[in-house]
Amino acid sequence: MSPTRRRVRPRGGLVPAALAALLIAAAVAVGAWLQFGERQALDEAYGAGSSAPDRIDVRASVQRVDAAGRELTLRVLVTPRGELAEAGGVSPTEDLTLQTSTSTRGDLSFEAHSRIATVDLPVALTGGSITDYPFDAYDAAIEFNAAQGGEPVPVRVTLTNGDALFTAGVDATEVRGTAVLDVTLGRSNSVLVFAVFMMVAMWALAVSVLIGAWFLVTRRKGLTWPALGWMAATLFALAAFRNTAPGTPPIGCLMDYVAFLWAETIVALCLVTSVVTGFKAERRSPGTE
């Protein structure tokens, strides 16, 4: 009887598997680090105003930024402190008026001994244009000062950002009893990364279709229906893919002129060229009636 031979498995497949696992781990680590940074930015609070014990606390949070409408929605919670409050800050002891900046629509008034509820304020955005998407940036001026019983009272403002599609940079100061916050809004890192990926993917798909069309035309393959179906599907898939951009930018933004419109044009021309040359090749074939 012949001795039993052991089968030796090649170890060459372990190297690509280990490399793939390393790349996946690195990608996950980078993604987690970016997400943690954005989460920390959303938790950051900016304060301005007085720290006196008898004051009006204003907690403002950016709920949503409408770049197309050029305004942001600011949710405001007003809380009297010290001698200015009763029932633990639920209501003011006298009529309270909260004056805002000119970019904010209207002032806020609260009656004495009445419960104070949160209020949503629209704030106009200045500077920037949504046509610069995804590199557009905007400014907003937010100011608060308070008067209770007809007399000015100290005010303390704390501002946070709750819109994950934007990052906020705030310059907070106090000018003559008025809390002033100059806010700069730009697209978040996740939006920038995804938008750049979309532009790269659009160009990659367009180049892929161009290579396929060049092969069909130069080799005179005729009407190759699977290839033509793939090109037509890519033409419509690009439009659907573009509409998934975060923030739903309108047609005509920077992303369209850099990638989307060119990709659509290339795919459409490749499809038409492949059909025309394929039709001619089919007519010249010997078996065509």
Protein backbone atom coordinates (compact mmCIF):
# COMPACT_ATOMS: atom_id res chain seq x y z
CA MET A 1 0.00 0.00 0.00
CA SER A 2 1.27 3.44 -0.85
CA PRO A 3 1.86 5.77 2.05
CA THR A 4 -0.81 8.41 2.73
CA ARG A 5 0.01 11.80 1.25
CA ARG A 6 -0.87 14.90 3.10
CA ARG A 7 -2.41 17.71 1.14
CA VAL A 8 -0.65 20.98 1.77
CA ARG A 9 -2.99 23.95 1.44
CA PRO A 10 -1.48 26.99 -0.18
CA ARG A 11 -1.02 29.90 2.17
CA GLY A 12 -1.12 32.53 -0.53
CA GLY A 13 -4.81 33.22 0.10
CA LEU A 14 -4.17 34.27 3.69
CA VAL A 15 -2.32 37.44 2.71
CA PRO A 16 -5.17 39.03 0.71
CA ALA A 17 -7.67 38.07 3.42
CA ALA A 18 -5.51 39.63 6.15
CA LEU A 19 -5.01 42.75 4.03
CA ALA A 20 -8.75 43.06 3.42
CA ALA A 21 -9.47 42.67 7.13
CA LEU A 22 -6.87 45.35 7.92
CA LEU A 23 -8.38 47.77 5.41
CA ILE A 24 -11.88 47.16 6.78
CA ALA A 25 -10.69 47.75 10.34
CA ALA A 26 -8.92 50.96 9.29
CA ALA A 27 -12.03 52.21 7.46
CA VAL A 28 -14.24 51.47 10.46
CA ALA A 29 -11.80 53.24 12.80
CA VAL A 30 -11.64 56.34 10.60
CA GLY A 31 -15.44 56.39 10.29
CA ALA A 32 -15.90 56.07 14.05
CA TRP A 33 -13.39 58.86 14.64
CA LEU A 34 -15.19 61.19 12.20
CA GLN A 35 -18.57 60.38 13.76
CA PHE A 36 -17.21 61.03 17.25
CA GLY A 37 -15.88 64.42 16.14
CA GLU A 38 -19.24 65.43 14.71
CA ARG A 39 -21.01 64.20 17.83
CA GLN A 40 -18.72 66.33 19.98
CA ALA A 41 -19.41 69.35 17.77
CA LEU A 42 -23.17 68.91 18.21
CA ASP A 43 -22.75 68.74 21.99
CA GLU A 44 -20.68 71.94 22.16
CA ALA A 45 -22.43 74.92 23.73
CA TYR A 46 -21.56 78.61 23.25
CA GLY A 47 -22.41 81.13 25.94
CA ALA A 48 -22.62 84.91 26.11
CA GLY A 49 -24.02 87.45 28.56
CA SER A 50 -24.12 88.03 32.29
CA SER A 51 -23.63 85.50 35.09
CA ALA A 52 -25.51 87.49 37.74
CA PRO A 53 -27.74 85.44 40.07
CA ASP A 54 -30.81 87.50 39.10
CA ARG A 55 -30.93 87.11 35.32
CA ILE A 56 -32.81 85.69 32.36
CA ASP A 57 -31.42 82.45 30.94
CA VAL A 58 -32.00 81.84 27.23
CA ARG A 59 -31.25 78.39 25.86
CA ALA A 60 -31.30 78.50 22.05
CA SER A 61 -30.82 75.52 19.75
CA VAL A 62 -30.49 75.49 15.96
CA GLN A 63 -33.12 72.96 14.90
CA ARG A 64 -32.94 73.14 11.11
CA VAL A 65 -31.03 75.14 8.52
CA ASP A 66 -32.94 75.82 5.29
CA ALA A 67 -30.23 76.88 2.87
CA ALA A 68 -32.66 77.19 -0.06
CA GLY A 69 -35.02 79.39 1.98
CA ARG A 70 -32.04 81.24 3.53
CA GLU A 71 -33.20 80.92 7.13
CA LEU A 72 -32.67 78.76 10.18
CA THR A 73 -35.13 77.69 12.84
CA LEU A 74 -34.04 78.59 16.36
CA ARG A 75 -35.80 76.93 19.31
CA VAL A 76 -35.71 79.21 22.35
CA LEU A 77 -36.40 78.36 26.00
CA VAL A 78 -36.52 81.33 28.39
CA THR A 79 -36.00 80.75 32.13
CA PRO A 80 -35.98 83.54 34.77
CA ARG A 81 -33.52 83.11 37.63
CA GLY A 82 -33.27 84.43 41.17
CA GLU A 83 -35.60 87.27 42.18
CA LEU A 84 -36.91 87.53 38.63
CA ALA A 85 -38.58 84.12 38.75
CA GLU A 86 -41.27 82.33 40.63
CA ALA A 87 -42.16 78.64 40.86
CA GLY A 88 -38.56 77.65 40.22
CA GLY A 89 -38.19 79.59 36.99
CA VAL A 90 -41.42 78.43 35.40
CA SER A 91 -42.87 81.98 35.17
CA PRO A 92 -41.62 85.57 35.61
CA THR A 93 -42.66 87.78 38.51
CA GLU A 94 -43.45 90.65 36.11
CA ASP A 95 -44.13 91.04 32.40
CA LEU A 96 -41.02 89.93 30.51
CA THR A 97 -39.93 91.11 27.07
CA LEU A 98 -37.08 89.51 25.17
CA GLN A 99 -35.76 91.66 22.34
CA THR A 100 -33.95 90.01 19.44
CA SER A 101 -31.83 91.08 16.47
CA THR A 102 -33.19 92.55 13.22
CA SER A 103 -32.55 89.23 11.44
CA THR A 104 -35.05 87.53 13.78
CA ARG A 105 -38.77 87.93 13.15
CA GLY A 106 -40.20 89.75 16.14
CA ASP A 107 -39.57 90.00 19.87
CA LEU A 108 -40.84 87.64 22.56
CA SER A 109 -43.26 88.67 25.31
CA PHE A 110 -44.27 86.66 28.39
CA GLU A 111 -46.93 87.68 30.86
CA ALA A 112 -46.28 87.75 34.57
CA HIS A 113 -47.17 84.63 36.57
CA SER A 114 -47.68 82.66 33.32
CA ARG A 115 -45.88 79.50 32.36
CA ILE A 116 -43.13 79.99 29.76
CA ALA A 117 -43.03 77.52 26.86
CA THR A 118 -40.47 76.99 24.13
CA VAL A 119 -40.75 79.18 21.03
CA ASP A 120 -39.42 78.58 17.49
CA LEU A 121 -37.90 81.66 15.88
CA PRO A 122 -36.94 81.95 12.20
CA VAL A 123 -33.60 83.70 11.70
CA ALA A 124 -32.50 85.06 8.32
CA LEU A 125 -29.21 83.85 6.84
CA THR A 126 -26.77 86.18 5.12
CA GLY A 127 -23.87 85.52 2.78
CA GLY A 128 -23.17 82.37 0.82
CA SER A 129 -25.27 80.67 -1.84
CA ILE A 130 -26.70 77.18 -2.14
CA THR A 131 -25.29 77.01 -5.68
CA ASP A 132 -21.88 76.49 -4.01
CA TYR A 133 -23.08 73.15 -2.59
CA PRO A 134 -21.40 71.24 -0.96
CA PHE A 135 -18.97 74.05 -0.07
CA ASP A 136 -21.58 76.68 0.76
CA ALA A 137 -21.43 78.61 4.04
CA TYR A 138 -23.75 81.14 5.70
CA ASP A 139 -23.79 83.74 8.48
CA ALA A 140 -26.44 84.59 11.05
CA ALA A 141 -26.55 87.35 13.67
CA ILE A 142 -28.37 86.41 16.89
CA GLU A 143 -28.86 88.93 19.70
CA PHE A 144 -30.87 88.90 22.91
CA ASN A 145 -31.55 91.48 25.62
CA ALA A 146 -34.29 91.41 28.25
CA ALA A 147 -36.54 93.81 30.10
CA GLN A 148 -38.81 92.86 33.00
CA GLY A 149 -41.34 95.25 34.43
CA GLY A 150 -40.05 97.92 32.05
CA GLU A 151 -36.50 97.75 33.45
CA PRO A 152 -33.47 96.15 31.73
CA VAL A 153 -32.32 92.92 33.36
CA PRO A 154 -29.21 90.79 32.80
CA VAL A 155 -29.47 88.03 30.20
CA ARG A 156 -27.41 84.89 29.62
CA VAL A 157 -27.63 83.07 26.27
CA THR A 158 -26.45 79.49 25.58
CA LEU A 159 -26.46 78.37 21.93
CA THR A 160 -26.19 74.80 20.61
CA ASN A 161 -26.45 73.28 17.15
CA GLY A 162 -28.91 70.45 16.52
CA ASP A 163 -28.70 70.20 12.73
CA ALA A 164 -26.40 67.30 11.84
CA LEU A 165 -26.02 68.52 8.23
CA PHE A 166 -24.23 71.70 9.32
CA THR A 167 -21.37 72.67 11.61
CA ALA A 168 -21.54 75.93 13.54
CA GLY A 169 -18.80 78.33 14.49
CA VAL A 170 -19.88 80.95 17.03
CA ASP A 171 -18.26 84.21 18.12
CA ALA A 172 -20.03 85.09 21.39
CA THR A 173 -19.70 88.54 23.01
CA GLU A 174 -21.65 90.93 25.26
CA VAL A 175 -22.26 94.52 24.19
CA ARG A 176 -23.98 96.86 26.70
CA GLY A 177 -26.06 94.15 28.29
CA THR A 178 -26.92 92.51 24.98
CA ALA A 179 -25.72 88.96 24.26
CA VAL A 180 -24.42 88.87 20.69
CA LEU A 181 -23.65 85.65 18.82
CA ASP A 182 -22.23 85.76 15.31
CA VAL A 183 -22.85 82.31 13.84
CA THR A 184 -21.09 80.83 10.80
CA LEU A 185 -22.69 77.71 9.31
CA GLY A 186 -21.02 75.28 6.91
CA ARG A 187 -21.68 71.76 5.70
CA SER A 188 -20.67 69.00 8.11
CA ASN A 189 -17.81 66.62 7.38
CA SER A 190 -20.19 63.76 6.63
CA VAL A 191 -21.99 65.85 4.00
CA LEU A 192 -18.69 66.90 2.41
CA VAL A 193 -17.37 63.33 2.32
CA PHE A 194 -20.57 61.94 0.82
CA ALA A 195 -20.90 64.74 -1.75
CA VAL A 196 -17.31 64.28 -2.91
CA PHE A 197 -17.89 60.51 -3.09
CA MET A 198 -20.99 61.13 -5.23
CA MET A 199 -19.03 63.26 -7.68
CA VAL A 200 -16.25 60.66 -7.94
CA ALA A 201 -18.81 57.87 -8.40
CA MET A 202 -20.61 59.81 -11.15
CA TRP A 203 -17.39 60.24 -13.09
CA ALA A 204 -16.45 56.58 -12.53
CA LEU A 205 -19.80 55.40 -13.94
CA ALA A 206 -19.49 57.76 -16.91
CA VAL A 207 -15.99 56.53 -17.71
CA SER A 208 -17.15 52.91 -17.37
CA VAL A 209 -19.94 53.50 -19.88
CA LEU A 210 -17.51 55.28 -22.19
CA ILE A 211 -15.12 52.31 -22.15
CA GLY A 212 -17.97 49.89 -22.83
CA ALA A 213 -19.27 52.01 -25.73
CA TRP A 214 -15.78 52.29 -27.22
CA PHE A 215 -15.46 48.50 -27.14
CA LEU A 216 -18.84 48.01 -28.84
CA VAL A 217 -18.13 50.58 -31.54
CA THR A 218 -14.54 49.56 -32.38
CA ARG A 219 -15.32 45.84 -32.40
CA ARG A 220 -18.55 46.34 -34.36
CA LYS A 221 -20.51 44.16 -31.97
CA GLY A 222 -23.86 45.23 -33.34
CA LEU A 223 -26.89 45.75 -31.11
CA THR A 224 -25.74 44.14 -27.87
CA TRP A 225 -28.92 44.45 -25.84
CA PRO A 226 -27.51 43.73 -22.35
CA ALA A 227 -24.88 46.46 -22.80
CA LEU A 228 -27.45 48.92 -24.13
CA GLY A 229 -29.76 48.14 -21.23
CA TRP A 230 -26.92 48.74 -18.78
CA MET A 231 -26.17 52.13 -20.36
CA ALA A 232 -29.82 53.18 -20.29
CA ALA A 233 -30.15 52.06 -16.66
CA THR A 234 -27.03 54.06 -15.74
CA LEU A 235 -28.52 57.16 -17.38
CA PHE A 236 -31.57 57.08 -15.11
CA ALA A 237 -29.71 55.75 -12.08
CA LEU A 238 -27.42 58.78 -12.08
CA ALA A 239 -30.42 61.11 -11.78
CA ALA A 240 -31.84 59.12 -8.87
CA PHE A 241 -28.40 58.95 -7.25
CA ARG A 242 -27.97 62.72 -7.54
CA ASN A 243 -31.29 63.33 -5.77
CA THR A 244 -29.99 61.48 -2.68
CA ALA A 245 -27.49 64.27 -1.97
CA PRO A 246 -27.84 65.40 1.70
CA GLY A 247 -29.80 68.62 1.96
CA THR A 248 -31.48 68.12 -1.45
CA PRO A 249 -29.64 70.91 -3.30
CA PRO A 250 -31.42 72.36 -6.37
CA ILE A 251 -30.30 71.69 -9.92
CA GLY A 252 -27.50 74.05 -10.90
CA CYS A 253 -25.24 73.72 -7.87
CA LEU A 254 -21.50 73.18 -8.06
CA MET A 255 -21.85 69.39 -7.87
CA ASP A 256 -23.96 69.39 -11.03
CA TYR A 257 -21.50 71.42 -13.06
CA VAL A 258 -18.49 69.47 -11.80
CA ALA A 259 -19.84 65.93 -12.21
CA PHE A 260 -23.56 65.22 -12.69
CA LEU A 261 -24.31 67.09 -15.92
CA TRP A 262 -21.12 65.87 -17.56
CA ALA A 263 -21.76 62.27 -16.52
CA GLU A 264 -25.31 62.38 -17.89
CA THR A 265 -24.08 63.87 -21.16
CA ILE A 266 -21.35 61.26 -21.61
CA VAL A 267 -23.68 58.34 -20.87
CA ALA A 268 -26.40 59.65 -23.20
CA LEU A 269 -23.94 60.19 -26.08
CA CYS A 270 -22.40 56.75 -25.56
CA LEU A 271 -25.83 55.12 -25.60
CA VAL A 272 -26.92 56.88 -28.81
CA THR A 273 -23.57 56.21 -30.51
CA SER A 274 -23.68 52.52 -29.59
CA VAL A 275 -27.21 52.16 -30.96
CA VAL A 276 -26.44 53.94 -34.25
CA THR A 277 -23.20 52.05 -34.94
CA GLY A 278 -24.77 48.79 -33.79
CA PHE A 279 -27.69 49.26 -36.16
CA LYS A 280 -25.30 49.85 -39.07
CA ALA A 281 -23.28 46.77 -38.14
CA GLU A 282 -26.42 44.64 -37.97
CA ARG A 283 -27.51 45.77 -41.43
CA ARG A 284 -24.13 44.87 -42.90
CA SER A 285 -24.08 41.39 -41.40
CA PRO A 286 -24.57 38.50 -43.91
CA GLY A 287 -27.69 37.10 -42.27
CA THR A 288 -29.66 40.38 -42.31
CA GLU A 289 -32.61 40.49 -44.69
